[in-house]
C-alpha cells in the first residue's frame, strides 16, 4: 500500500511539469495561428506540424505517466535521480536564452528536426506505454517496434528534437546546455540499463544484439 502511494505521489511532479509545457505550447500555438503568412508557406506548414506533434507527444506523456504500472525495481542512490531530473529539464533552459537572428534555412531545418523528433518520440512512447518512467526504474522489458532497433529510441528521438531547438539559438551558452543535456541523458541510459539487467534475465542478450542509441555506431 505504501509503495503504491509513493509511486502515485511521484507521478504528480512529472504531470505538473509536463502540464505546464502543454499549457505553454497551447498559448504559443494560439499566437502562431493568429499570424499566418499571406499565402502558402512550406516553412509555416512544417512549423505548425512540429508544434502539433509536440503537443500530442506531451499529452501522451502525461497520459502514460498517469496510468503507468508499478515498478518492479529501481536504481538506488542519489546520482540516478539527479541525472534523470537534469536530463529531463536541462534542455528547457534553452528557451530562456536570446534567439538567433531569423534565418529561413535554419528555421526550416529546426522545424523539420522538431517534427521528426516528436514523431519518433510518439512512436517510441506508444510501444513503451505503461512502462514509461523518468527515473531509472524497471516496469516491463519492451523490445518491440523501435526498441528492436535501438535500446533507447525515446532518448534518440528527444536528442533530434533538442538539436532542432538548438538551431533557433546558436550560441555558446546553447551549445553548453546541449552538451550537458546529452551527458546526463547518457547517464540515464546507463543507469536504466543496470536496473533492467538486474530485473530481467533476458536483458543481457537483448543488449548484446541491439545497439544503445545509433545502429552500427553505438
N, C-alpha and C. Protein backbone atom coordinates (compact mmCIF):
# COMPACT_ATOMS: atom_id res chain seq x y z
N UNK A 1 0.83 -1.20 0.00
CA UNK A 1 0.00 0.00 0.00
C UNK A 1 0.87 1.26 0.00
N UNK A 2 1.95 1.24 0.85
CA UNK A 2 2.84 2.38 0.90
C UNK A 2 3.58 2.56 -0.42
N UNK A 3 3.95 1.43 -1.05
CA UNK A 3 4.64 1.50 -2.35
C UNK A 3 3.74 2.12 -3.40
N UNK A 4 2.47 1.70 -3.43
CA UNK A 4 1.52 2.24 -4.39
C UNK A 4 1.32 3.73 -4.18
N UNK A 5 1.20 4.15 -2.91
CA UNK A 5 1.01 5.56 -2.61
C UNK A 5 2.23 6.37 -3.01
N UNK A 6 3.43 5.86 -2.72
CA UNK A 6 4.66 6.56 -3.09
C UNK A 6 4.76 6.71 -4.60
N UNK A 7 4.47 5.65 -5.34
CA UNK A 7 4.54 5.71 -6.80
C UNK A 7 3.53 6.70 -7.36
N UNK A 8 2.34 6.73 -6.77
CA UNK A 8 1.30 7.67 -7.21
C UNK A 8 1.73 9.11 -6.94
N UNK A 9 2.33 9.35 -5.78
CA UNK A 9 2.78 10.70 -5.44
C UNK A 9 3.92 11.16 -6.34
N UNK A 10 4.78 10.22 -6.73
CA UNK A 10 5.91 10.57 -7.59
C UNK A 10 5.48 10.95 -8.99
N UNK A 11 4.26 10.59 -9.37
CA UNK A 11 3.77 10.98 -10.70
C UNK A 11 3.39 12.46 -10.75
N UNK A 12 3.01 13.01 -9.62
CA UNK A 12 2.46 14.37 -9.61
C UNK A 12 3.44 15.42 -10.11
N UNK A 13 4.72 15.42 -9.68
CA UNK A 13 5.64 16.44 -10.23
C UNK A 13 5.81 16.34 -11.74
N UNK A 14 5.87 15.09 -12.26
CA UNK A 14 6.02 14.90 -13.71
C UNK A 14 4.78 15.41 -14.44
N UNK A 15 3.61 15.08 -13.91
CA UNK A 15 2.36 15.54 -14.54
C UNK A 15 2.27 17.06 -14.50
N UNK A 16 2.66 17.67 -13.37
CA UNK A 16 2.60 19.13 -13.25
C UNK A 16 3.60 19.79 -14.19
N UNK A 17 4.82 19.24 -14.25
CA UNK A 17 5.86 19.80 -15.11
C UNK A 17 5.46 19.71 -16.57
N UNK A 18 4.98 18.54 -16.98
CA UNK A 18 4.57 18.34 -18.37
C UNK A 18 3.33 19.17 -18.68
N UNK A 19 2.39 19.23 -17.73
CA UNK A 19 1.18 20.01 -17.93
C UNK A 19 1.47 21.49 -18.14
N UNK A 20 2.49 21.99 -17.43
CA UNK A 20 2.89 23.39 -17.60
C UNK A 20 3.29 23.66 -19.05
N UNK A 21 4.07 22.74 -19.64
CA UNK A 21 4.51 22.95 -21.01
C UNK A 21 3.38 22.71 -22.02
N UNK A 22 2.41 21.87 -21.67
CA UNK A 22 1.24 21.72 -22.53
C UNK A 22 0.48 23.05 -22.62
N UNK A 23 0.25 23.67 -21.47
CA UNK A 23 -0.44 24.96 -21.44
C UNK A 23 0.37 26.02 -22.18
N UNK A 24 1.68 26.00 -21.96
CA UNK A 24 2.56 26.97 -22.61
C UNK A 24 2.53 26.81 -24.12
N UNK A 25 2.58 25.56 -24.58
CA UNK A 25 2.57 25.31 -26.02
C UNK A 25 1.21 25.63 -26.64
N UNK A 26 0.14 25.41 -25.90
CA UNK A 26 -1.19 25.78 -26.40
C UNK A 26 -1.29 27.29 -26.59
N UNK A 27 -0.74 28.05 -25.64
CA UNK A 27 -0.74 29.50 -25.77
C UNK A 27 0.10 29.94 -26.96
N UNK A 28 1.28 29.31 -27.12
CA UNK A 28 2.14 29.64 -28.26
C UNK A 28 1.49 29.27 -29.58
N UNK A 29 0.76 28.15 -29.60
CA UNK A 29 0.08 27.73 -30.82
C UNK A 29 -1.00 28.74 -31.20
N UNK A 30 -1.71 29.24 -30.21
CA UNK A 30 -2.75 30.24 -30.48
C UNK A 30 -2.14 31.49 -31.11
N UNK A 31 -1.03 31.97 -30.54
CA UNK A 31 -0.37 33.15 -31.11
C UNK A 31 0.16 32.86 -32.51
N UNK A 32 0.67 31.65 -32.72
CA UNK A 32 1.21 31.25 -34.02
C UNK A 32 0.10 31.26 -35.08
N UNK A 33 -1.08 30.75 -34.73
CA UNK A 33 -2.19 30.69 -35.67
C UNK A 33 -2.77 32.06 -35.96
N UNK A 34 -2.55 33.02 -35.06
CA UNK A 34 -3.06 34.37 -35.27
C UNK A 34 -2.20 35.17 -36.23
N UNK A 35 -1.03 34.63 -36.62
CA UNK A 35 -0.14 35.34 -37.54
C UNK A 35 0.22 34.47 -38.75
N UNK A 36 -0.77 34.05 -39.52
CA UNK A 36 -0.48 33.20 -40.68
C UNK A 36 0.15 34.03 -41.81
N UNK A 37 0.94 33.39 -42.67
CA UNK A 37 1.51 34.11 -43.82
C UNK A 37 0.41 34.45 -44.81
N UNK A 38 0.66 35.43 -45.69
CA UNK A 38 -0.38 35.83 -46.66
C UNK A 38 -0.72 34.74 -47.67
N UNK A 39 0.21 33.86 -47.98
CA UNK A 39 -0.04 32.78 -48.93
C UNK A 39 0.50 31.48 -48.39
N UNK A 40 0.51 30.44 -49.23
CA UNK A 40 1.01 29.15 -48.78
C UNK A 40 2.50 29.25 -48.51
N UNK A 41 2.92 28.74 -47.36
CA UNK A 41 4.31 28.81 -46.96
C UNK A 41 4.71 27.46 -46.36
N UNK A 42 5.69 26.79 -47.01
CA UNK A 42 6.12 25.48 -46.53
C UNK A 42 6.70 25.56 -45.12
N UNK A 43 7.48 26.61 -44.86
CA UNK A 43 8.07 26.77 -43.54
C UNK A 43 7.02 26.88 -42.46
N UNK A 44 5.96 27.62 -42.76
CA UNK A 44 4.87 27.79 -41.79
C UNK A 44 4.16 26.46 -41.56
N UNK A 45 3.92 25.71 -42.64
CA UNK A 45 3.23 24.42 -42.52
C UNK A 45 4.05 23.43 -41.71
N UNK A 46 5.37 23.38 -41.94
CA UNK A 46 6.22 22.46 -41.20
C UNK A 46 6.28 22.86 -39.73
N UNK A 47 6.40 24.18 -39.47
CA UNK A 47 6.43 24.67 -38.09
C UNK A 47 5.14 24.34 -37.36
N UNK A 48 4.00 24.48 -38.05
CA UNK A 48 2.71 24.15 -37.45
C UNK A 48 2.63 22.66 -37.12
N UNK A 49 3.08 21.82 -38.06
CA UNK A 49 3.08 20.38 -37.82
C UNK A 49 3.98 20.02 -36.64
N UNK A 50 5.12 20.70 -36.52
CA UNK A 50 6.04 20.43 -35.41
C UNK A 50 5.39 20.81 -34.08
N UNK A 51 4.70 21.94 -34.05
CA UNK A 51 4.03 22.36 -32.81
C UNK A 51 2.93 21.38 -32.42
N UNK A 52 2.15 20.94 -33.39
CA UNK A 52 1.07 20.00 -33.11
C UNK A 52 1.62 18.65 -32.64
N UNK A 53 2.71 18.20 -33.25
CA UNK A 53 3.30 16.92 -32.85
C UNK A 53 3.86 17.01 -31.43
N UNK A 54 4.43 18.17 -31.06
CA UNK A 54 4.94 18.34 -29.70
C UNK A 54 3.79 18.29 -28.69
N UNK A 55 2.68 18.93 -29.02
CA UNK A 55 1.52 18.89 -28.13
C UNK A 55 1.00 17.46 -27.97
N UNK A 56 0.96 16.72 -29.06
CA UNK A 56 0.49 15.34 -28.99
C UNK A 56 1.42 14.49 -28.14
N UNK A 57 2.74 14.69 -28.30
CA UNK A 57 3.70 13.93 -27.51
C UNK A 57 3.56 14.24 -26.03
N UNK A 58 3.48 15.53 -25.68
CA UNK A 58 3.36 15.93 -24.28
C UNK A 58 2.07 15.37 -23.66
N UNK A 59 0.99 15.39 -24.44
CA UNK A 59 -0.29 14.86 -23.95
C UNK A 59 -0.19 13.35 -23.71
N UNK A 60 0.45 12.64 -24.65
CA UNK A 60 0.65 11.20 -24.48
C UNK A 60 1.53 10.91 -23.27
N UNK A 61 2.55 11.74 -23.07
CA UNK A 61 3.45 11.55 -21.94
C UNK A 61 2.69 11.68 -20.62
N UNK A 62 1.82 12.68 -20.54
CA UNK A 62 1.01 12.85 -19.34
C UNK A 62 0.10 11.65 -19.12
N UNK A 63 -0.52 11.18 -20.18
CA UNK A 63 -1.45 10.06 -20.04
C UNK A 63 -0.75 8.81 -19.55
N UNK A 64 0.37 8.45 -20.19
CA UNK A 64 1.04 7.21 -19.82
C UNK A 64 1.68 7.30 -18.43
N UNK A 65 2.09 8.50 -18.02
CA UNK A 65 2.59 8.64 -16.66
C UNK A 65 1.45 8.49 -15.66
N UNK A 66 0.28 8.94 -16.04
CA UNK A 66 -0.87 8.83 -15.12
C UNK A 66 -1.30 7.38 -14.93
N UNK A 67 -1.12 6.54 -15.95
CA UNK A 67 -1.61 5.15 -15.87
C UNK A 67 -0.47 4.14 -15.81
N UNK A 68 0.76 4.59 -15.63
CA UNK A 68 1.90 3.68 -15.67
C UNK A 68 1.80 2.62 -14.57
N UNK A 69 2.39 1.49 -14.83
CA UNK A 69 2.36 0.38 -13.88
C UNK A 69 3.39 0.59 -12.77
N UNK A 70 3.26 -0.18 -11.70
CA UNK A 70 4.16 -0.05 -10.57
C UNK A 70 5.53 -0.63 -10.92
N UNK A 71 6.62 0.01 -10.52
CA UNK A 71 7.96 -0.53 -10.84
C UNK A 71 8.25 -1.80 -10.05
N UNK A 72 9.01 -2.69 -10.68
CA UNK A 72 9.43 -3.92 -10.00
C UNK A 72 10.84 -3.75 -9.43
N UNK A 73 11.54 -2.71 -9.88
CA UNK A 73 12.89 -2.45 -9.38
C UNK A 73 13.25 -1.01 -9.74
N UNK A 74 14.17 -0.43 -9.00
CA UNK A 74 14.61 0.93 -9.29
C UNK A 74 16.04 1.14 -8.85
N UNK A 75 16.71 2.13 -9.46
CA UNK A 75 18.09 2.43 -9.11
C UNK A 75 18.16 3.02 -7.71
N UNK A 76 19.22 2.69 -6.99
CA UNK A 76 19.42 3.21 -5.65
C UNK A 76 20.43 4.35 -5.67
N UNK A 77 20.35 5.21 -4.69
CA UNK A 77 21.32 6.30 -4.58
C UNK A 77 20.83 7.60 -5.17
N UNK A 78 21.64 8.64 -4.99
CA UNK A 78 21.26 9.99 -5.40
C UNK A 78 21.58 10.29 -6.86
N UNK A 79 22.71 9.78 -7.35
CA UNK A 79 23.14 10.12 -8.71
C UNK A 79 22.12 9.78 -9.79
N UNK A 80 21.50 8.58 -9.77
CA UNK A 80 20.50 8.28 -10.81
C UNK A 80 19.33 9.25 -10.79
N UNK A 81 18.94 9.72 -9.62
CA UNK A 81 17.83 10.67 -9.53
C UNK A 81 18.21 12.04 -10.07
N UNK A 82 19.42 12.49 -9.71
CA UNK A 82 19.89 13.79 -10.20
C UNK A 82 20.06 13.76 -11.72
N UNK A 83 20.66 12.69 -12.23
CA UNK A 83 20.86 12.57 -13.67
C UNK A 83 19.53 12.55 -14.42
N UNK A 84 18.54 11.85 -13.86
CA UNK A 84 17.22 11.79 -14.50
C UNK A 84 16.56 13.16 -14.54
N UNK A 85 16.62 13.87 -13.42
CA UNK A 85 15.98 15.19 -13.36
C UNK A 85 16.67 16.19 -14.28
N UNK A 86 18.00 16.20 -14.29
CA UNK A 86 18.72 17.13 -15.16
C UNK A 86 18.57 16.73 -16.63
N UNK A 87 18.58 15.45 -16.91
CA UNK A 87 18.37 15.01 -18.29
C UNK A 87 17.01 15.41 -18.81
N UNK A 88 16.02 15.41 -17.92
CA UNK A 88 14.66 15.77 -18.32
C UNK A 88 14.47 17.27 -18.48
N UNK A 89 15.14 18.07 -17.64
CA UNK A 89 14.83 19.51 -17.58
C UNK A 89 15.84 20.43 -18.26
N UNK A 90 17.10 20.00 -18.41
CA UNK A 90 18.14 20.92 -18.88
C UNK A 90 17.81 21.56 -20.22
N UNK A 91 17.27 20.77 -21.15
CA UNK A 91 17.01 21.32 -22.49
C UNK A 91 16.01 22.47 -22.45
N UNK A 92 15.17 22.52 -21.43
CA UNK A 92 14.19 23.61 -21.35
C UNK A 92 14.84 24.96 -21.09
N UNK A 93 16.07 24.94 -20.55
CA UNK A 93 16.75 26.20 -20.29
C UNK A 93 17.16 26.89 -21.59
N UNK A 94 17.17 26.15 -22.71
CA UNK A 94 17.42 26.80 -24.00
C UNK A 94 16.41 27.90 -24.26
N UNK A 95 15.18 27.68 -23.80
CA UNK A 95 14.10 28.63 -24.08
C UNK A 95 14.27 29.94 -23.33
N UNK A 96 15.21 29.99 -22.37
CA UNK A 96 15.46 31.22 -21.61
C UNK A 96 16.51 32.10 -22.28
N UNK A 97 17.17 31.59 -23.31
CA UNK A 97 18.22 32.34 -24.00
C UNK A 97 17.64 33.23 -25.09
N UNK A 98 18.47 34.17 -25.56
CA UNK A 98 18.07 35.01 -26.69
C UNK A 98 18.16 34.20 -27.97
N UNK A 99 17.15 34.33 -28.81
CA UNK A 99 17.13 33.59 -30.07
C UNK A 99 18.07 34.22 -31.09
N UNK A 100 18.58 33.38 -31.97
CA UNK A 100 19.44 33.84 -33.05
C UNK A 100 18.61 34.64 -34.05
N UNK A 101 19.25 35.50 -34.86
CA UNK A 101 18.50 36.24 -35.89
C UNK A 101 17.77 35.27 -36.83
N UNK A 102 16.60 35.66 -37.32
CA UNK A 102 15.83 34.77 -38.21
C UNK A 102 16.63 34.33 -39.43
N UNK A 103 16.50 33.08 -39.76
CA UNK A 103 17.15 32.52 -40.95
C UNK A 103 16.20 31.50 -41.56
N UNK A 104 15.67 31.76 -42.75
CA UNK A 104 14.72 30.81 -43.35
C UNK A 104 15.25 29.39 -43.42
N UNK A 105 16.53 29.22 -43.76
CA UNK A 105 17.09 27.87 -43.87
C UNK A 105 17.18 27.19 -42.51
N UNK A 106 17.72 27.88 -41.50
CA UNK A 106 17.86 27.30 -40.17
C UNK A 106 16.50 27.09 -39.50
N UNK A 107 15.59 28.03 -39.72
CA UNK A 107 14.26 27.90 -39.13
C UNK A 107 13.53 26.68 -39.69
N UNK A 108 13.67 26.46 -41.00
CA UNK A 108 13.04 25.28 -41.62
C UNK A 108 13.70 24.00 -41.13
N UNK A 109 15.05 24.00 -41.04
CA UNK A 109 15.75 22.83 -40.54
C UNK A 109 15.34 22.53 -39.10
N UNK A 110 15.20 23.58 -38.29
CA UNK A 110 14.77 23.42 -36.91
C UNK A 110 13.38 22.78 -36.83
N UNK A 111 12.46 23.30 -37.64
CA UNK A 111 11.09 22.77 -37.64
C UNK A 111 11.05 21.32 -38.09
N UNK A 112 11.86 20.98 -39.11
CA UNK A 112 11.89 19.60 -39.60
C UNK A 112 12.45 18.63 -38.55
N UNK A 113 13.51 19.07 -37.86
CA UNK A 113 14.07 18.22 -36.81
C UNK A 113 13.09 18.05 -35.65
N UNK A 114 12.40 19.12 -35.31
CA UNK A 114 11.39 19.03 -34.24
C UNK A 114 10.26 18.09 -34.65
N UNK A 115 9.83 18.21 -35.88
CA UNK A 115 8.75 17.34 -36.37
C UNK A 115 9.19 15.88 -36.36
N UNK A 116 10.39 15.60 -36.88
CA UNK A 116 10.89 14.23 -36.91
C UNK A 116 11.09 13.69 -35.50
N UNK A 117 11.70 14.51 -34.63
CA UNK A 117 11.95 14.07 -33.26
C UNK A 117 10.66 13.80 -32.49
N UNK A 118 9.68 14.68 -32.64
CA UNK A 118 8.41 14.49 -31.93
C UNK A 118 7.66 13.27 -32.45
N UNK A 119 7.69 13.04 -33.75
CA UNK A 119 7.02 11.87 -34.32
C UNK A 119 7.67 10.59 -33.79
N UNK A 120 9.01 10.55 -33.78
CA UNK A 120 9.71 9.37 -33.28
C UNK A 120 9.47 9.18 -31.78
N UNK A 121 9.37 10.28 -31.05
CA UNK A 121 9.05 10.20 -29.62
C UNK A 121 7.70 9.53 -29.41
N UNK A 122 6.71 9.92 -30.21
CA UNK A 122 5.38 9.33 -30.07
C UNK A 122 5.40 7.85 -30.43
N UNK A 123 6.15 7.49 -31.48
CA UNK A 123 6.24 6.07 -31.87
C UNK A 123 6.86 5.24 -30.74
N UNK A 124 7.94 5.77 -30.13
CA UNK A 124 8.59 5.05 -29.03
C UNK A 124 7.68 4.98 -27.82
N UNK A 125 6.99 6.07 -27.53
CA UNK A 125 6.13 6.11 -26.35
C UNK A 125 4.95 5.16 -26.48
N UNK A 126 4.42 5.01 -27.68
CA UNK A 126 3.31 4.08 -27.89
C UNK A 126 3.72 2.64 -27.59
N UNK A 127 4.97 2.29 -27.89
CA UNK A 127 5.45 0.94 -27.60
C UNK A 127 5.83 0.81 -26.12
N UNK A 128 6.34 1.88 -25.53
CA UNK A 128 6.72 1.83 -24.13
C UNK A 128 5.49 1.79 -23.23
N UNK A 129 4.46 2.55 -23.59
CA UNK A 129 3.18 2.52 -22.88
C UNK A 129 3.29 2.74 -21.39
N UNK A 130 2.73 1.84 -20.61
CA UNK A 130 2.67 1.98 -19.16
C UNK A 130 4.01 1.70 -18.47
N UNK A 131 5.03 1.40 -19.26
CA UNK A 131 6.36 1.18 -18.69
C UNK A 131 7.19 2.46 -18.69
N UNK A 132 6.60 3.58 -19.08
CA UNK A 132 7.32 4.84 -19.15
C UNK A 132 7.78 5.26 -17.75
N UNK A 133 8.94 5.91 -17.70
CA UNK A 133 9.47 6.36 -16.42
C UNK A 133 10.46 7.49 -16.64
N UNK A 134 10.55 8.39 -15.68
CA UNK A 134 11.58 9.43 -15.70
C UNK A 134 12.82 8.93 -14.98
N UNK A 135 12.63 8.38 -13.79
CA UNK A 135 13.73 7.82 -13.02
C UNK A 135 14.15 6.47 -13.62
N UNK A 136 15.32 5.98 -13.16
CA UNK A 136 15.80 4.68 -13.62
C UNK A 136 15.04 3.58 -12.89
N UNK A 137 13.95 3.12 -13.49
CA UNK A 137 13.08 2.12 -12.90
C UNK A 137 12.75 1.05 -13.93
N UNK A 138 12.45 -0.14 -13.44
CA UNK A 138 12.07 -1.26 -14.31
C UNK A 138 10.61 -1.60 -14.08
N UNK A 139 9.83 -1.58 -15.16
CA UNK A 139 8.43 -1.99 -15.07
C UNK A 139 8.17 -3.21 -15.95
N UNK A 140 8.60 -3.16 -17.18
CA UNK A 140 8.49 -4.30 -18.10
C UNK A 140 9.58 -4.14 -19.15
N UNK A 141 10.02 -5.24 -19.72
CA UNK A 141 11.05 -5.20 -20.75
C UNK A 141 10.38 -5.08 -22.11
N UNK A 142 10.56 -3.93 -22.76
CA UNK A 142 9.97 -3.67 -24.07
C UNK A 142 11.06 -3.81 -25.13
N UNK A 143 10.85 -4.70 -26.10
CA UNK A 143 11.84 -4.93 -27.16
C UNK A 143 11.23 -4.87 -28.55
N UNK A 144 9.97 -4.46 -28.65
CA UNK A 144 9.29 -4.43 -29.95
C UNK A 144 9.37 -3.05 -30.58
N UNK A 145 8.98 -2.98 -31.85
CA UNK A 145 8.93 -1.69 -32.55
C UNK A 145 10.29 -1.03 -32.57
N UNK A 146 10.37 0.27 -32.27
CA UNK A 146 11.65 0.98 -32.29
C UNK A 146 12.64 0.44 -31.27
N UNK A 147 12.14 -0.26 -30.22
CA UNK A 147 13.03 -0.85 -29.23
C UNK A 147 13.72 -2.10 -29.77
N UNK A 148 13.31 -2.54 -30.94
CA UNK A 148 14.02 -3.60 -31.62
C UNK A 148 15.17 -3.08 -32.46
N UNK A 149 15.19 -1.76 -32.68
CA UNK A 149 16.26 -1.13 -33.48
C UNK A 149 17.38 -0.63 -32.58
N UNK A 150 17.01 0.09 -31.53
CA UNK A 150 17.97 0.60 -30.55
C UNK A 150 17.38 0.42 -29.16
N UNK A 151 18.25 0.44 -28.14
CA UNK A 151 17.77 0.21 -26.79
C UNK A 151 17.09 1.44 -26.19
N UNK A 152 17.40 2.61 -26.74
CA UNK A 152 16.84 3.85 -26.17
C UNK A 152 16.28 4.76 -27.27
N UNK A 153 15.27 4.31 -27.99
CA UNK A 153 14.74 5.13 -29.10
C UNK A 153 14.11 6.44 -28.62
N UNK A 154 13.55 6.45 -27.41
CA UNK A 154 12.93 7.68 -26.92
C UNK A 154 13.99 8.76 -26.70
N UNK A 155 15.15 8.39 -26.14
CA UNK A 155 16.23 9.35 -25.95
C UNK A 155 16.80 9.80 -27.30
N UNK A 156 16.90 8.86 -28.23
CA UNK A 156 17.39 9.21 -29.57
C UNK A 156 16.48 10.25 -30.22
N UNK A 157 15.18 10.03 -30.12
CA UNK A 157 14.21 10.96 -30.70
C UNK A 157 14.25 12.31 -30.00
N UNK A 158 14.39 12.30 -28.68
CA UNK A 158 14.47 13.55 -27.93
C UNK A 158 15.68 14.37 -28.34
N UNK A 159 16.82 13.68 -28.58
CA UNK A 159 18.02 14.41 -29.00
C UNK A 159 17.82 15.08 -30.35
N UNK A 160 17.12 14.42 -31.26
CA UNK A 160 16.83 15.05 -32.56
C UNK A 160 16.04 16.32 -32.36
N UNK A 161 15.01 16.25 -31.52
CA UNK A 161 14.17 17.43 -31.27
C UNK A 161 14.96 18.53 -30.57
N UNK A 162 15.81 18.17 -29.62
CA UNK A 162 16.59 19.18 -28.89
C UNK A 162 17.59 19.88 -29.82
N UNK A 163 18.17 19.14 -30.75
CA UNK A 163 19.05 19.78 -31.74
C UNK A 163 18.24 20.76 -32.58
N UNK A 164 16.99 20.40 -32.89
CA UNK A 164 16.11 21.32 -33.61
C UNK A 164 15.89 22.61 -32.84
N UNK A 165 15.70 22.50 -31.53
CA UNK A 165 15.54 23.70 -30.70
C UNK A 165 16.85 24.49 -30.67
N UNK A 166 17.97 23.80 -30.55
CA UNK A 166 19.28 24.45 -30.51
C UNK A 166 19.51 25.35 -31.72
N UNK A 167 19.05 24.92 -32.89
CA UNK A 167 19.25 25.70 -34.11
C UNK A 167 18.55 27.06 -34.06
N UNK A 168 17.62 27.23 -33.14
CA UNK A 168 16.94 28.51 -33.00
C UNK A 168 17.75 29.51 -32.17
N UNK A 169 18.83 29.04 -31.54
CA UNK A 169 19.60 29.90 -30.64
C UNK A 169 21.05 30.08 -31.09
N UNK A 170 21.76 28.97 -31.34
CA UNK A 170 23.11 29.01 -31.90
C UNK A 170 24.04 29.97 -31.15
N UNK A 171 24.27 29.70 -29.88
CA UNK A 171 25.21 30.46 -29.07
C UNK A 171 26.05 29.48 -28.26
N UNK A 172 27.14 29.98 -27.68
CA UNK A 172 27.98 29.08 -26.89
C UNK A 172 27.22 28.61 -25.64
N UNK A 173 26.34 29.47 -25.11
CA UNK A 173 25.53 29.05 -23.96
C UNK A 173 24.60 27.91 -24.35
N UNK A 174 23.99 28.03 -25.54
CA UNK A 174 23.09 26.98 -26.01
C UNK A 174 23.86 25.69 -26.27
N UNK A 175 25.08 25.81 -26.82
CA UNK A 175 25.90 24.62 -27.08
C UNK A 175 26.28 23.94 -25.77
N UNK A 176 26.56 24.72 -24.73
CA UNK A 176 26.91 24.15 -23.43
C UNK A 176 25.72 23.39 -22.83
N UNK A 177 24.55 23.99 -22.93
CA UNK A 177 23.34 23.32 -22.43
C UNK A 177 23.10 22.03 -23.19
N UNK A 178 23.27 22.08 -24.51
CA UNK A 178 23.08 20.89 -25.35
C UNK A 178 24.05 19.77 -24.94
N UNK A 179 25.30 20.13 -24.70
CA UNK A 179 26.32 19.15 -24.31
C UNK A 179 25.99 18.53 -22.95
N UNK A 180 25.65 19.38 -21.97
CA UNK A 180 25.32 18.87 -20.63
C UNK A 180 24.07 17.99 -20.67
N UNK A 181 23.10 18.41 -21.47
CA UNK A 181 21.88 17.61 -21.62
C UNK A 181 22.23 16.22 -22.13
N UNK A 182 23.09 16.13 -23.12
CA UNK A 182 23.45 14.83 -23.69
C UNK A 182 24.22 13.99 -22.66
N UNK A 183 25.12 14.63 -21.90
CA UNK A 183 25.89 13.90 -20.89
C UNK A 183 24.96 13.25 -19.87
N UNK A 184 23.98 14.00 -19.39
CA UNK A 184 23.07 13.44 -18.39
C UNK A 184 22.11 12.42 -19.00
N UNK A 185 21.79 12.57 -20.27
CA UNK A 185 20.97 11.56 -20.93
C UNK A 185 21.74 10.23 -21.03
N UNK A 186 23.03 10.31 -21.30
CA UNK A 186 23.85 9.10 -21.35
C UNK A 186 23.88 8.43 -19.98
N UNK A 187 24.02 9.25 -18.93
CA UNK A 187 24.00 8.69 -17.58
C UNK A 187 22.65 8.00 -17.31
N UNK A 188 21.56 8.59 -17.77
CA UNK A 188 20.25 7.97 -17.60
C UNK A 188 20.20 6.61 -18.30
N UNK A 189 20.72 6.54 -19.50
CA UNK A 189 20.73 5.27 -20.24
C UNK A 189 21.49 4.21 -19.47
N UNK A 190 22.67 4.56 -18.98
CA UNK A 190 23.50 3.59 -18.26
C UNK A 190 22.80 3.13 -16.98
N UNK A 191 22.22 4.07 -16.25
CA UNK A 191 21.51 3.72 -15.01
C UNK A 191 20.30 2.83 -15.29
N UNK A 192 19.57 3.13 -16.35
CA UNK A 192 18.41 2.31 -16.70
C UNK A 192 18.83 0.91 -17.11
N UNK A 193 19.92 0.83 -17.86
CA UNK A 193 20.39 -0.49 -18.30
C UNK A 193 20.80 -1.36 -17.12
N UNK A 194 21.39 -0.76 -16.10
CA UNK A 194 21.77 -1.51 -14.91
C UNK A 194 20.53 -2.07 -14.20
N UNK A 195 19.51 -1.25 -14.08
CA UNK A 195 18.28 -1.69 -13.42
C UNK A 195 17.59 -2.79 -14.23
N UNK A 196 17.50 -2.59 -15.54
CA UNK A 196 16.85 -3.59 -16.39
C UNK A 196 17.62 -4.91 -16.40
N UNK A 197 18.95 -4.81 -16.42
CA UNK A 197 19.77 -6.01 -16.41
C UNK A 197 19.59 -6.79 -15.11
N UNK A 198 19.44 -6.07 -14.00
CA UNK A 198 19.24 -6.73 -12.70
C UNK A 198 17.82 -7.27 -12.55
N UNK A 199 16.89 -6.75 -13.35
CA UNK A 199 15.47 -7.12 -13.20
C UNK A 199 15.02 -8.20 -14.16
N UNK A 200 15.63 -8.25 -15.35
CA UNK A 200 15.17 -9.19 -16.38
C UNK A 200 16.37 -9.99 -16.91
N UNK A 201 16.31 -11.30 -16.75
CA UNK A 201 17.43 -12.15 -17.16
C UNK A 201 17.70 -12.08 -18.66
N UNK A 202 16.66 -11.80 -19.46
CA UNK A 202 16.82 -11.77 -20.90
C UNK A 202 17.38 -10.44 -21.42
N UNK A 203 17.56 -9.47 -20.52
CA UNK A 203 18.01 -8.15 -20.97
C UNK A 203 19.44 -8.21 -21.53
N UNK A 204 20.29 -9.00 -20.93
CA UNK A 204 21.69 -9.05 -21.39
C UNK A 204 21.77 -9.49 -22.85
N UNK A 205 21.02 -10.53 -23.22
CA UNK A 205 21.01 -10.97 -24.61
C UNK A 205 20.45 -9.91 -25.54
N UNK A 206 19.40 -9.22 -25.09
CA UNK A 206 18.81 -8.12 -25.87
C UNK A 206 19.83 -7.00 -26.08
N UNK A 207 20.56 -6.64 -25.01
CA UNK A 207 21.54 -5.56 -25.10
C UNK A 207 22.70 -5.93 -26.02
N UNK A 208 23.08 -7.20 -26.03
CA UNK A 208 24.20 -7.63 -26.88
C UNK A 208 23.84 -7.60 -28.36
N UNK A 209 22.56 -7.74 -28.68
CA UNK A 209 22.15 -7.78 -30.09
C UNK A 209 21.52 -6.47 -30.58
N UNK A 210 21.35 -5.50 -29.68
CA UNK A 210 20.69 -4.25 -30.04
C UNK A 210 21.57 -3.07 -29.66
N UNK A 211 21.90 -2.17 -30.59
CA UNK A 211 22.74 -1.01 -30.25
C UNK A 211 22.06 -0.11 -29.24
N UNK A 212 22.86 0.63 -28.51
CA UNK A 212 22.32 1.51 -27.46
C UNK A 212 21.53 2.67 -28.03
N UNK A 213 22.14 3.39 -28.98
CA UNK A 213 21.50 4.63 -29.46
C UNK A 213 21.52 4.79 -30.98
N UNK A 214 22.66 4.45 -31.61
CA UNK A 214 22.81 4.67 -33.05
C UNK A 214 23.21 3.35 -33.70
N UNK A 215 22.37 2.77 -34.56
CA UNK A 215 22.69 1.49 -35.20
C UNK A 215 24.03 1.53 -35.93
N UNK A 216 24.86 0.51 -35.68
CA UNK A 216 26.14 0.40 -36.35
C UNK A 216 27.24 1.27 -35.77
N UNK A 217 26.91 2.11 -34.80
CA UNK A 217 27.91 3.02 -34.22
C UNK A 217 28.05 2.81 -32.72
N UNK A 218 26.91 2.87 -32.00
CA UNK A 218 26.99 2.80 -30.52
C UNK A 218 25.68 2.29 -29.94
